[in-house]
C-alpha atoms as a PDB file:
ATOM      1  CA  MET A   1     -92.764-112.152  31.452  1.00  0.00           C
ATOM      2  CA  ALA A   2     -91.617-109.160  29.410  1.00  0.00           C
ATOM      3  CA  LEU A   3     -91.405-109.162  25.648  1.00  0.00           C
ATOM      4  CA  THR A   4     -88.059-108.058  24.254  1.00  0.00           C
ATOM      5  CA  PHE A   5     -87.289-107.300  20.649  1.00  0.00           C
ATOM      6  CA  PHE A   6     -83.504-107.170  21.057  1.00  0.00           C
ATOM      7  CA  LYS A   7     -81.387-109.646  22.931  1.00  0.00           C
ATOM      8  CA  THR A   8     -78.574-108.140  24.931  1.00  0.00           C
ATOM      9  CA  PRO A   9     -75.338-110.077  24.660  1.00  0.00           C
ATOM     10  CA  LYS A  10     -73.935-111.700  27.787  1.00  0.00           C
ATOM     11  CA  ASN A  11     -70.484-110.942  29.078  1.00  0.00           C
ATOM     12  CA  LYS A  12     -67.689-113.036  27.662  1.00  0.00           C
ATOM     13  CA  GLN A  13     -65.847-115.210  30.139  1.00  0.00           C
ATOM     14  CA  TYR A  14     -62.217-116.194  29.763  1.00  0.00           C
ATOM     15  CA  ASN A  15     -60.284-118.900  31.547  1.00  0.00           C
ATOM     16  CA  TYR A  16     -57.003-116.988  31.554  1.00  0.00           C
ATOM     17  CA  LYS A  17     -54.594-117.958  34.302  1.00  0.00           C
ATOM     18  CA  PRO A  18     -51.510-115.709  34.432  1.00  0.00           C
ATOM     19  CA  VAL A  19     -48.134-117.404  34.658  1.00  0.00           C
ATOM     20  CA  TYR A  20     -45.346-115.756  36.638  1.00  0.00           C
ATOM     21  CA  TYR A  21     -41.968-115.893  34.897  1.00  0.00           C
ATOM     22  CA  ASP A  22     -38.780-115.094  36.772  1.00  0.00           C
ATOM     23  CA  ALA A  23     -35.830-114.917  34.390  1.00  0.00           C
ATOM     24  CA  ARG A  24     -33.288-114.489  37.182  1.00  0.00           C
ATOM     25  CA  LYS A  25     -34.536-117.597  38.992  1.00  0.00           C
ATOM     26  CA  GLU A  26     -34.349-119.645  35.797  1.00  0.00           C
ATOM     27  CA  ALA A  27     -30.808-118.424  35.111  1.00  0.00           C
ATOM     28  CA  LEU A  28     -29.750-119.370  38.639  1.00  0.00           C
ATOM     29  CA  GLU A  29     -31.318-122.809  38.282  1.00  0.00           C
ATOM     30  CA  LYS A  30     -29.523-123.301  34.969  1.00  0.00           C
ATOM     31  CA  LEU A  31     -26.189-122.304  36.513  1.00  0.00           C
ATOM     32  CA  SER A  32     -26.671-124.580  39.501  1.00  0.00           C
ATOM     33  CA  LYS A  33     -27.643-127.451  37.197  1.00  0.00           C
ATOM     34  CA  THR A  34     -24.518-126.972  35.065  1.00  0.00           C
ATOM     35  CA  ALA A  35     -22.341-126.690  38.181  1.00  0.00           C
ATOM     36  CA  TYR A  36     -23.878-129.888  39.544  1.00  0.00           C
ATOM     37  CA  SER A  37     -23.365-131.710  36.249  1.00  0.00           C
ATOM     38  CA  GLU A  38     -19.741-130.477  36.113  1.00  0.00           C
ATOM     39  CA  ALA A  39     -19.072-131.803  39.594  1.00  0.00           C
ATOM     40  CA  LYS A  40     -20.786-135.062  38.747  1.00  0.00           C
ATOM     41  CA  GLU A  41     -19.184-135.637  35.344  1.00  0.00           C
ATOM     42  CA  GLY A  42     -15.884-133.880  35.872  1.00  0.00           C
ATOM     43  CA  LYS A  43     -14.643-131.606  33.055  1.00  0.00           C
ATOM     44  CA  LYS A  44     -16.484-133.539  30.352  1.00  0.00           C
ATOM     45  CA  ASP A  45     -19.072-130.853  29.693  1.00  0.00           C
ATOM     46  CA  TYR A  46     -16.772-127.873  30.348  1.00  0.00           C
ATOM     47  CA  GLU A  47     -17.241-126.238  26.935  1.00  0.00           C
ATOM     48  CA  LYS A  48     -21.025-126.262  27.203  1.00  0.00           C
ATOM     49  CA  ALA A  49     -20.931-124.765  30.697  1.00  0.00           C
ATOM     50  CA  LEU A  50     -18.447-122.118  29.560  1.00  0.00           C
ATOM     51  CA  ARG A  51     -20.676-121.246  26.602  1.00  0.00           C
ATOM     52  CA  ASP A  52     -23.688-120.904  28.916  1.00  0.00           C
ATOM     53  CA  ARG A  53     -21.780-118.618  31.297  1.00  0.00           C
ATOM     54  CA  MET A  54     -20.533-116.453  28.439  1.00  0.00           C
ATOM     55  CA  GLN A  55     -24.053-116.193  27.030  1.00  0.00           C
ATOM     56  CA  LEU A  56     -25.394-115.126  30.431  1.00  0.00           C
ATOM     57  CA  ARG A  57     -22.723-112.430  30.776  1.00  0.00           C
ATOM     58  CA  TRP A  58     -23.392-111.202  27.245  1.00  0.00           C
ATOM     59  CA  LYS A  59     -27.112-110.892  28.006  1.00  0.00           C
ATOM     60  CA  ARG A  60     -26.361-108.890  31.149  1.00  0.00           C
ATOM     61  CA  SER A  61     -24.063-106.501  29.312  1.00  0.00           C
ATOM     62  CA  SER A  62     -26.487-106.078  26.417  1.00  0.00           C
ATOM     63  CA  HIS A  63     -29.278-105.154  28.857  1.00  0.00           C
ATOM     64  CA  ALA A  64     -27.021-102.575  30.507  1.00  0.00           C
ATOM     65  CA  LYS A  65     -26.108-101.079  27.130  1.00  0.00           C
ATOM     66  CA  ALA A  66     -29.775-100.946  26.149  1.00  0.00           C
ATOM     67  CA  ARG A  67     -30.635 -99.082  29.366  1.00  0.00           C
ATOM     68  CA  VAL A  68     -27.893 -96.511  28.766  1.00  0.00           C
ATOM     69  CA  ALA A  69     -29.032 -96.025  25.176  1.00  0.00           C
ATOM     70  CA  ALA A  70     -32.649 -95.573  26.261  1.00  0.00           C
ATOM     71  CA  ARG A  71     -31.689 -92.979  28.875  1.00  0.00           C
ATOM     72  CA  SER A  72     -29.587 -91.002  26.418  1.00  0.00           C
ATOM     73  CA  ARG A  73     -32.363 -91.147  23.804  1.00  0.00           C
ATOM     74  CA  LEU A  74     -34.874 -89.876  26.370  1.00  0.00           C
ATOM     75  CA  PHE A  75     -32.548 -87.039  27.371  1.00  0.00           C
ATOM     76  CA  ILE A  76     -32.077 -85.972  23.726  1.00  0.00           C
ATOM     77  CA  ILE A  77     -35.843 -86.030  23.098  1.00  0.00           C
ATOM     78  CA  LEU A  78     -36.487 -83.927  26.209  1.00  0.00           C
ATOM     79  CA  VAL A  79     -33.859 -81.377  25.164  1.00  0.00           C
ATOM     80  CA  ILE A  80     -35.365 -81.108  21.669  1.00  0.00           C
ATOM     81  CA  LEU A  81     -38.884 -80.692  23.102  1.00  0.00           C
ATOM     82  CA  PHE A  82     -37.668 -78.037  25.516  1.00  0.00           C
ATOM     83  CA  LEU A  83     -35.995 -76.132  22.668  1.00  0.00           C
ATOM     84  CA  LEU A  84     -39.125 -76.343  20.513  1.00  0.00           C
ATOM     85  CA  ILE A  85     -41.334 -75.064  23.319  1.00  0.00           C
ATOM     86  CA  TYR A  86     -38.879 -72.265  24.018  1.00  0.00           C
ATOM     87  CA  LEU A  87     -38.836 -71.275  20.337  1.00  0.00           C
ATOM     88  CA  ILE A  88     -42.629 -71.365  20.035  1.00  0.00           C
ATOM     89  CA  PHE A  89     -43.462 -69.350  23.159  1.00  0.00           C
ATOM     90  CA  PHE A  90     -40.521 -66.979  23.566  1.00  0.00           C
ATOM     91  CA  ILE A  91     -39.409 -66.068  20.046  1.00  0.00           C
END
């Protein structure tokens, strides 16, 4: 039995269980559910289904616009960095 003056802390243990989230799958399930409810109830809930479809399309277009903006921003930053490096080393 060894004498110790300092206790070493034990490793912390976590009970983290990752959850997989698939946005596309959820959107498809939502669309199929609204289509099923439309067929079941007729045109009663047409406005709600139309609103959901419009919201889905808006999200798609906003993601596409965000990607284009990010690419253009990256291109501008790279051009500025290239110009700065050129000015520092060659002038």
